[in-house]
C-alpha atoms as a PDB file:
ATOM      1  CA  UNK A   1      22.719 -11.883  13.152  1.00  0.00           C
ATOM      2  CA  UNK A   2      18.971 -11.275  13.032  1.00  0.00           C
ATOM      3  CA  UNK A   3      17.118 -10.974   9.732  1.00  0.00           C
ATOM      4  CA  UNK A   4      16.664  -7.218   9.982  1.00  0.00           C
ATOM      5  CA  UNK A   5      20.430  -6.583  10.186  1.00  0.00           C
ATOM      6  CA  UNK A   6      21.419  -9.010   7.436  1.00  0.00           C
ATOM      7  CA  UNK A   7      23.377  -7.307   4.617  1.00  0.00           C
ATOM      8  CA  UNK A   8      21.164  -6.190   1.736  1.00  0.00           C
ATOM      9  CA  UNK A   9      21.779  -6.861  -1.943  1.00  0.00           C
ATOM     10  CA  UNK A  10      22.479  -3.924  -4.256  1.00  0.00           C
ATOM     11  CA  UNK A  11      18.888  -3.930  -5.565  1.00  0.00           C
ATOM     12  CA  UNK A  12      17.418  -4.200  -2.063  1.00  0.00           C
ATOM     13  CA  UNK A  13      19.484  -1.193  -0.949  1.00  0.00           C
ATOM     14  CA  UNK A  14      18.355   0.860  -3.960  1.00  0.00           C
ATOM     15  CA  UNK A  15      14.670  -0.004  -3.460  1.00  0.00           C
ATOM     16  CA  UNK A  16      14.806   0.533   0.317  1.00  0.00           C
ATOM     17  CA  UNK A  17      16.563   3.887  -0.111  1.00  0.00           C
ATOM     18  CA  UNK A  18      13.869   5.084  -2.533  1.00  0.00           C
ATOM     19  CA  UNK A  19      11.033   3.980  -0.231  1.00  0.00           C
ATOM     20  CA  UNK A  20      12.655   5.580   2.827  1.00  0.00           C
ATOM     21  CA  UNK A  21      13.019   8.933   1.038  1.00  0.00           C
ATOM     22  CA  UNK A  22       9.284   9.124   0.301  1.00  0.00           C
ATOM     23  CA  UNK A  23       6.806  10.471   2.839  1.00  0.00           C
ATOM     24  CA  UNK A  24       3.913   8.674   1.166  1.00  0.00           C
ATOM     25  CA  UNK A  25       3.591   5.004   0.222  1.00  0.00           C
ATOM     26  CA  UNK A  26       5.010   4.133  -3.203  1.00  0.00           C
ATOM     27  CA  UNK A  27       3.819   1.661  -5.796  1.00  0.00           C
ATOM     28  CA  UNK A  28       6.130  -0.896  -7.409  1.00  0.00           C
ATOM     29  CA  UNK A  29       6.018   0.679 -10.869  1.00  0.00           C
ATOM     30  CA  UNK A  30       6.786   4.094  -9.407  1.00  0.00           C
ATOM     31  CA  UNK A  31       9.805   2.537  -7.728  1.00  0.00           C
ATOM     32  CA  UNK A  32      10.869   0.963 -11.021  1.00  0.00           C
ATOM     33  CA  UNK A  33      10.567   4.185 -13.011  1.00  0.00           C
ATOM     34  CA  UNK A  34      12.579   6.078 -10.386  1.00  0.00           C
ATOM     35  CA  UNK A  35      15.419   3.591  -9.967  1.00  0.00           C
ATOM     36  CA  UNK A  36      16.031   2.610 -13.605  1.00  0.00           C
ATOM     37  CA  UNK A  37      19.071   4.877 -13.802  1.00  0.00           C
ATOM     38  CA  UNK A  38      20.564   2.897 -10.916  1.00  0.00           C
ATOM     39  CA  UNK A  39      20.475  -0.376 -12.838  1.00  0.00           C
ATOM     40  CA  UNK A  40      17.104  -1.890 -11.959  1.00  0.00           C
ATOM     41  CA  UNK A  41      15.393  -2.353 -15.304  1.00  0.00           C
ATOM     42  CA  UNK A  42      12.655  -4.945 -14.902  1.00  0.00           C
ATOM     43  CA  UNK A  43       9.614  -5.448 -12.664  1.00  0.00           C
ATOM     44  CA  UNK A  44      10.847  -8.830 -11.361  1.00  0.00           C
ATOM     45  CA  UNK A  45      13.953  -7.139  -9.943  1.00  0.00           C
ATOM     46  CA  UNK A  46      11.784  -4.676  -8.011  1.00  0.00           C
ATOM     47  CA  UNK A  47       9.346  -7.332  -6.819  1.00  0.00           C
ATOM     48  CA  UNK A  48      12.139  -9.654  -5.624  1.00  0.00           C
ATOM     49  CA  UNK A  49      13.678  -6.776  -3.657  1.00  0.00           C
ATOM     50  CA  UNK A  50      10.268  -5.810  -2.223  1.00  0.00           C
ATOM     51  CA  UNK A  51       9.491  -9.394  -1.183  1.00  0.00           C
ATOM     52  CA  UNK A  52      12.819  -9.741   0.623  1.00  0.00           C
ATOM     53  CA  UNK A  53      12.523  -6.326   2.303  1.00  0.00           C
ATOM     54  CA  UNK A  54       9.048  -7.292   3.573  1.00  0.00           C
ATOM     55  CA  UNK A  55      10.332 -10.667   4.763  1.00  0.00           C
ATOM     56  CA  UNK A  56      13.091  -9.083   6.853  1.00  0.00           C
ATOM     57  CA  UNK A  57      10.823  -6.337   8.212  1.00  0.00           C
ATOM     58  CA  UNK A  58      12.422  -3.311   6.544  1.00  0.00           C
ATOM     59  CA  UNK A  59       9.240  -2.331   4.700  1.00  0.00           C
ATOM     60  CA  UNK A  60       5.519  -3.082   4.834  1.00  0.00           C
ATOM     61  CA  UNK A  61       2.887  -3.417   2.165  1.00  0.00           C
ATOM     62  CA  UNK A  62      -0.147  -1.165   2.470  1.00  0.00           C
ATOM     63  CA  UNK A  63      -2.768  -3.523   1.052  1.00  0.00           C
ATOM     64  CA  UNK A  64      -5.511  -0.985   0.335  1.00  0.00           C
ATOM     65  CA  UNK A  65      -3.160   1.133  -1.770  1.00  0.00           C
ATOM     66  CA  UNK A  66      -1.075  -1.711  -3.225  1.00  0.00           C
ATOM     67  CA  UNK A  67       1.961   0.283  -2.147  1.00  0.00           C
ATOM     68  CA  UNK A  68       4.937   0.086   0.182  1.00  0.00           C
ATOM     69  CA  UNK A  69       6.248   2.066   3.168  1.00  0.00           C
ATOM     70  CA  UNK A  70       9.449   1.863   5.160  1.00  0.00           C
ATOM     71  CA  UNK A  71       9.127   0.369   8.615  1.00  0.00           C
ATOM     72  CA  UNK A  72       9.510   3.178  11.120  1.00  0.00           C
ATOM     73  CA  UNK A  73       9.399   0.975  14.218  1.00  0.00           C
ATOM     74  CA  UNK A  74      12.970   0.133  15.240  1.00  0.00           C
ATOM     75  CA  UNK A  75      12.050  -3.025  17.128  1.00  0.00           C
ATOM     76  CA  UNK A  76       9.485  -4.211  14.603  1.00  0.00           C
ATOM     77  CA  UNK A  77       9.908  -7.958  14.350  1.00  0.00           C
ATOM     78  CA  UNK A  78       6.540  -8.706  12.859  1.00  0.00           C
ATOM     79  CA  UNK A  79       6.636  -8.052   9.108  1.00  0.00           C
ATOM     80  CA  UNK A  80       3.412 -10.023   8.701  1.00  0.00           C
ATOM     81  CA  UNK A  81       1.563  -8.342  11.570  1.00  0.00           C
ATOM     82  CA  UNK A  82       1.059  -4.693  10.774  1.00  0.00           C
ATOM     83  CA  UNK A  83      -1.403  -2.014  11.784  1.00  0.00           C
ATOM     84  CA  UNK A  84      -1.607   1.293   9.929  1.00  0.00           C
ATOM     85  CA  UNK A  85      -3.507   4.533  10.225  1.00  0.00           C
ATOM     86  CA  UNK A  86      -4.122   6.143   6.831  1.00  0.00           C
ATOM     87  CA  UNK A  87      -5.271   9.706   6.255  1.00  0.00           C
ATOM     88  CA  UNK A  88      -8.097   9.889   3.722  1.00  0.00           C
ATOM     89  CA  UNK A  89      -6.966  13.382   2.638  1.00  0.00           C
ATOM     90  CA  UNK A  90      -3.175  13.361   2.322  1.00  0.00           C
ATOM     91  CA  UNK A  91      -2.777   9.543   2.235  1.00  0.00           C
ATOM     92  CA  UNK A  92       0.034   9.630   4.795  1.00  0.00           C
ATOM     93  CA  UNK A  93       0.452   6.191   6.352  1.00  0.00           C
ATOM     94  CA  UNK A  94       1.631   5.714   9.939  1.00  0.00           C
ATOM     95  CA  UNK A  95       2.541   2.422  11.504  1.00  0.00           C
ATOM     96  CA  UNK A  96       0.728   1.890  14.793  1.00  0.00           C
ATOM     97  CA  UNK A  97       2.699   0.390  17.648  1.00  0.00           C
ATOM     98  CA  UNK A  98       0.223  -0.265  20.452  1.00  0.00           C
ATOM     99  CA  UNK A  99       1.256  -3.002  22.925  1.00  0.00           C
ATOM    100  CA  UNK A 100      -2.313  -3.463  24.246  1.00  0.00           C
ATOM    101  CA  UNK A 101      -3.687  -3.953  20.737  1.00  0.00           C
ATOM    102  CA  UNK A 102      -0.879  -6.368  19.789  1.00  0.00           C
ATOM    103  CA  UNK A 103      -1.521  -8.370  22.976  1.00  0.00           C
ATOM    104  CA  UNK A 104      -5.226  -8.685  22.116  1.00  0.00           C
ATOM    105  CA  UNK A 105      -4.460  -9.744  18.560  1.00  0.00           C
ATOM    106  CA  UNK A 106      -1.752 -12.228  19.584  1.00  0.00           C
ATOM    107  CA  UNK A 107      -4.235 -14.764  20.895  1.00  0.00           C
ATOM    108  CA  UNK A 108      -7.131 -13.844  18.614  1.00  0.00           C
ATOM    109  CA  UNK A 109      -8.828 -16.638  16.699  1.00  0.00           C
ATOM    110  CA  UNK A 110     -11.972 -16.678  14.634  1.00  0.00           C
ATOM    111  CA  UNK A 111     -15.211 -18.590  15.340  1.00  0.00           C
ATOM    112  CA  UNK A 112     -13.825 -21.698  13.609  1.00  0.00           C
ATOM    113  CA  UNK A 113     -10.787 -21.709  15.901  1.00  0.00           C
ATOM    114  CA  UNK A 114      -8.314 -20.520  13.288  1.00  0.00           C
ATOM    115  CA  UNK A 115      -5.355 -18.859  14.981  1.00  0.00           C
ATOM    116  CA  UNK A 116      -3.842 -16.244  12.703  1.00  0.00           C
ATOM    117  CA  UNK A 117      -0.193 -16.163  11.630  1.00  0.00           C
ATOM    118  CA  UNK A 118      -0.446 -12.634  10.303  1.00  0.00           C
ATOM    119  CA  UNK A 119      -2.644  -9.643   9.716  1.00  0.00           C
ATOM    120  CA  UNK A 120      -2.612  -6.295   8.001  1.00  0.00           C
ATOM    121  CA  UNK A 121      -5.030  -3.876   9.635  1.00  0.00           C
ATOM    122  CA  UNK A 122      -5.672  -0.466   8.149  1.00  0.00           C
ATOM    123  CA  UNK A 123      -7.597   2.269   9.924  1.00  0.00           C
ATOM    124  CA  UNK A 124      -8.799   5.266   7.896  1.00  0.00           C
ATOM    125  CA  UNK A 125      -9.489   8.790   9.071  1.00  0.00           C
ATOM    126  CA  UNK A 126      -8.201  12.340   8.836  1.00  0.00           C
ATOM    127  CA  UNK A 127      -4.836  13.269  10.339  1.00  0.00           C
ATOM    128  CA  UNK A 128      -4.411  16.323  12.577  1.00  0.00           C
ATOM    129  CA  UNK A 129      -2.667  18.350   9.856  1.00  0.00           C
ATOM    130  CA  UNK A 130      -5.483  17.804   7.338  1.00  0.00           C
ATOM    131  CA  UNK A 131      -8.154  18.367  10.006  1.00  0.00           C
ATOM    132  CA  UNK A 132      -6.560  21.719  10.848  1.00  0.00           C
ATOM    133  CA  UNK A 133      -6.694  22.739   7.170  1.00  0.00           C
ATOM    134  CA  UNK A 134     -10.448  22.110   6.931  1.00  0.00           C
ATOM    135  CA  UNK A 135     -12.941  24.922   7.495  1.00  0.00           C
ATOM    136  CA  UNK A 136     -14.623  24.758  10.916  1.00  0.00           C
ATOM    137  CA  UNK A 137     -18.024  23.744   9.491  1.00  0.00           C
ATOM    138  CA  UNK A 138     -16.668  20.482   7.966  1.00  0.00           C
ATOM    139  CA  UNK A 139     -14.751  19.211  11.008  1.00  0.00           C
ATOM    140  CA  UNK A 140     -16.331  16.357  12.995  1.00  0.00           C
END
């Protein structure tokens, strides 16, 4: 059984369910305040669940927002290699799945020869929905 299909603990299920129901990324304390009635009462319980869910690839951390999103890529096996596009207006986060980009990054190393085990890339811009809401004179 691969890591992604391993049975989840009660707390992991509760946290994952809350994250999956949100369109936007959620912060740990928002998760805590929304799941207290389900028996999760302390930050360490949330953080342990988050850490495990990241480890098995069910969720990703959006570093720039210090928040979490559900993985929407069914064959995502790289919880520590993520690429996101983030709308500056509505803050919607989308996971990018681009085989050409992943291939380039796979063998990437820096000038000192360090080969990277993971990365979290975040690209910022304006999504189509927000662009369509803007008056013509402000669109680029």
